């Protein structure tokens, strides 16, 4: 009669796996946030575009002077 009191399914293993999966996901999100925030603070694209605009203006000035 004592065998009838055993559960047919144990949820402990599944719960443990879900908790581990959630911790891994949180860790990956934190690592991604740290990676994105550690980039250079200056905007390199505007620096490059400003340099090319300035160089084109200088080239046009030189052509007009010649």
N, C-alpha and C. Protein backbone atom coordinates (compact mmCIF):
# COMPACT_ATOMS: atom_id res chain seq x y z
N UNK A 1 0.80 -1.19 0.00
CA UNK A 1 0.00 0.00 0.00
C UNK A 1 0.85 1.27 0.00
N UNK A 2 2.06 1.22 0.49
CA UNK A 2 2.90 2.41 0.54
C UNK A 2 3.35 2.85 -0.85
N UNK A 3 3.33 1.96 -1.83
CA UNK A 3 3.74 2.32 -3.18
C UNK A 3 2.74 3.26 -3.85
N UNK A 4 1.54 3.34 -3.40
CA UNK A 4 0.53 4.20 -4.02
C UNK A 4 0.76 5.68 -3.70
N UNK A 5 1.60 5.97 -2.76
CA UNK A 5 1.83 7.36 -2.37
C UNK A 5 2.98 8.01 -3.11
N UNK A 6 3.69 7.27 -3.95
CA UNK A 6 4.77 7.84 -4.72
C UNK A 6 4.21 8.62 -5.91
N UNK A 7 4.73 9.82 -6.16
CA UNK A 7 4.23 10.58 -7.31
C UNK A 7 4.66 9.91 -8.62
N UNK A 8 3.87 10.07 -9.64
CA UNK A 8 4.20 9.48 -10.92
C UNK A 8 5.27 10.28 -11.65
N UNK A 9 5.40 11.55 -11.30
CA UNK A 9 6.40 12.40 -11.96
C UNK A 9 7.02 13.32 -10.93
N UNK A 10 8.33 13.51 -11.04
CA UNK A 10 9.05 14.39 -10.12
C UNK A 10 9.40 15.67 -10.85
N UNK A 11 8.91 16.81 -10.38
CA UNK A 11 9.14 18.09 -11.03
C UNK A 11 10.45 18.76 -10.60
N UNK A 12 11.16 18.20 -9.67
CA UNK A 12 12.37 18.84 -9.14
C UNK A 12 13.44 19.01 -10.21
N UNK A 13 13.68 18.01 -11.04
CA UNK A 13 14.72 18.08 -12.05
C UNK A 13 14.39 19.15 -13.10
N UNK A 14 13.15 19.20 -13.55
CA UNK A 14 12.75 20.20 -14.53
C UNK A 14 12.85 21.61 -13.98
N UNK A 15 12.46 21.80 -12.75
CA UNK A 15 12.55 23.11 -12.11
C UNK A 15 14.01 23.55 -12.00
N UNK A 16 14.87 22.62 -11.62
CA UNK A 16 16.30 22.91 -11.52
C UNK A 16 16.86 23.32 -12.87
N UNK A 17 16.49 22.63 -13.93
CA UNK A 17 16.99 22.95 -15.27
C UNK A 17 16.49 24.32 -15.74
N UNK A 18 15.25 24.66 -15.43
CA UNK A 18 14.72 25.97 -15.80
C UNK A 18 15.45 27.08 -15.06
N UNK A 19 15.76 26.87 -13.80
CA UNK A 19 16.49 27.87 -13.03
C UNK A 19 17.89 28.06 -13.60
N UNK A 20 18.57 26.97 -13.93
CA UNK A 20 19.91 27.07 -14.54
C UNK A 20 19.83 27.80 -15.87
N UNK A 21 18.84 27.48 -16.69
CA UNK A 21 18.67 28.15 -17.98
C UNK A 21 18.43 29.65 -17.80
N UNK A 22 17.61 30.02 -16.83
CA UNK A 22 17.33 31.43 -16.56
C UNK A 22 18.60 32.15 -16.11
N UNK A 23 19.40 31.51 -15.28
CA UNK A 23 20.65 32.13 -14.82
C UNK A 23 21.64 32.32 -15.97
N UNK A 24 21.70 31.35 -16.86
CA UNK A 24 22.59 31.48 -18.03
C UNK A 24 22.12 32.63 -18.92
N UNK A 25 20.81 32.74 -19.13
CA UNK A 25 20.28 33.83 -19.95
C UNK A 25 20.57 35.19 -19.33
N UNK A 26 20.38 35.31 -18.03
CA UNK A 26 20.67 36.57 -17.35
C UNK A 26 22.16 36.89 -17.46
N UNK A 27 23.01 35.88 -17.30
CA UNK A 27 24.45 36.09 -17.43
C UNK A 27 24.84 36.57 -18.81
N UNK A 28 24.22 36.00 -19.84
CA UNK A 28 24.53 36.42 -21.21
C UNK A 28 24.07 37.85 -21.48
N UNK A 29 22.91 38.21 -20.96
CA UNK A 29 22.42 39.58 -21.13
C UNK A 29 23.34 40.57 -20.42
N UNK A 30 23.78 40.23 -19.22
CA UNK A 30 24.70 41.11 -18.48
C UNK A 30 26.03 41.23 -19.23
N UNK A 31 26.54 40.12 -19.75
CA UNK A 31 27.80 40.17 -20.49
C UNK A 31 27.66 41.02 -21.75
N UNK A 32 26.53 40.91 -22.42
CA UNK A 32 26.28 41.71 -23.61
C UNK A 32 26.19 43.20 -23.27
N UNK A 33 25.53 43.52 -22.16
CA UNK A 33 25.42 44.92 -21.74
C UNK A 33 26.79 45.50 -21.40
N UNK A 34 27.61 44.72 -20.72
CA UNK A 34 28.97 45.18 -20.39
C UNK A 34 29.79 45.36 -21.67
N UNK A 35 29.65 44.43 -22.61
CA UNK A 35 30.39 44.51 -23.87
C UNK A 35 29.98 45.75 -24.66
N UNK A 36 28.70 46.04 -24.71
CA UNK A 36 28.23 47.20 -25.48
C UNK A 36 28.60 48.51 -24.80
N UNK A 37 28.60 48.54 -23.48
CA UNK A 37 28.91 49.79 -22.79
C UNK A 37 30.41 50.06 -22.73
N UNK A 38 31.24 49.07 -23.00
CA UNK A 38 32.69 49.27 -22.93
C UNK A 38 33.28 49.76 -24.25
N UNK A 39 32.46 50.03 -25.25
CA UNK A 39 32.95 50.53 -26.53
C UNK A 39 33.48 51.94 -26.40
N UNK A 40 34.08 52.44 -27.48
CA UNK A 40 34.63 53.79 -27.42
C UNK A 40 33.51 54.80 -27.29
N UNK A 41 33.77 55.83 -26.52
CA UNK A 41 32.74 56.82 -26.24
C UNK A 41 32.57 57.82 -27.38
N UNK A 42 33.60 58.04 -28.19
CA UNK A 42 33.47 58.98 -29.30
C UNK A 42 32.84 58.28 -30.49
N UNK A 43 32.11 59.04 -31.26
CA UNK A 43 31.45 58.47 -32.44
C UNK A 43 32.42 58.55 -33.61
N UNK A 44 33.00 57.41 -33.96
CA UNK A 44 34.01 57.38 -35.00
C UNK A 44 33.44 57.69 -36.38
N UNK A 45 32.18 57.38 -36.62
CA UNK A 45 31.59 57.63 -37.93
C UNK A 45 31.50 59.12 -38.21
N UNK A 46 31.13 59.91 -37.22
CA UNK A 46 31.05 61.36 -37.46
C UNK A 46 32.44 61.95 -37.63
N UNK A 47 33.43 61.40 -36.90
CA UNK A 47 34.80 61.88 -37.06
C UNK A 47 35.28 61.63 -38.49
N UNK A 48 35.01 60.44 -39.00
CA UNK A 48 35.45 60.10 -40.35
C UNK A 48 34.74 60.96 -41.37
N UNK A 49 33.42 61.11 -41.21
CA UNK A 49 32.67 61.90 -42.19
C UNK A 49 33.07 63.38 -42.13
N UNK A 50 33.36 63.90 -40.94
CA UNK A 50 33.81 65.28 -40.82
C UNK A 50 35.16 65.46 -41.51
N UNK A 51 36.04 64.49 -41.33
CA UNK A 51 37.36 64.57 -41.95
C UNK A 51 37.24 64.53 -43.47
N UNK A 52 36.39 63.70 -44.00
CA UNK A 52 36.27 63.63 -45.45
C UNK A 52 35.62 64.88 -46.01
N UNK A 53 34.66 65.44 -45.30
CA UNK A 53 34.04 66.69 -45.75
C UNK A 53 35.06 67.82 -45.74
N UNK A 54 35.83 67.90 -44.67
CA UNK A 54 36.85 68.94 -44.58
C UNK A 54 37.92 68.76 -45.66
N UNK A 55 38.32 67.52 -45.91
CA UNK A 55 39.35 67.30 -46.93
C UNK A 55 38.82 67.64 -48.32
N UNK A 56 37.53 67.36 -48.59
CA UNK A 56 36.96 67.72 -49.88
C UNK A 56 36.89 69.24 -50.03
N UNK A 57 36.55 69.95 -48.96
CA UNK A 57 36.51 71.40 -49.00
C UNK A 57 37.89 71.97 -49.29
N UNK A 58 38.90 71.38 -48.64
CA UNK A 58 40.27 71.85 -48.87
C UNK A 58 40.71 71.57 -50.31
N UNK A 59 40.33 70.41 -50.84
CA UNK A 59 40.68 70.10 -52.22
C UNK A 59 40.00 71.07 -53.19
N UNK A 60 38.76 71.42 -52.91
CA UNK A 60 38.05 72.38 -53.77
C UNK A 60 38.70 73.76 -53.70
N UNK A 61 39.13 74.18 -52.53
CA UNK A 61 39.82 75.46 -52.36
C UNK A 61 41.13 75.47 -53.14
N UNK A 62 41.87 74.34 -53.07
CA UNK A 62 43.13 74.25 -53.79
C UNK A 62 42.90 74.30 -55.29
N UNK A 63 41.84 73.65 -55.75
CA UNK A 63 41.54 73.68 -57.19
C UNK A 63 41.17 75.10 -57.65
N UNK A 64 40.45 75.82 -56.80
CA UNK A 64 40.07 77.19 -57.17
C UNK A 64 41.28 78.11 -57.18
N UNK A 65 42.22 77.86 -56.26
CA UNK A 65 43.42 78.70 -56.21
C UNK A 65 44.35 78.42 -57.39
N UNK A 66 44.37 77.21 -57.89
CA UNK A 66 45.25 76.85 -59.01
C UNK A 66 44.71 77.31 -60.29
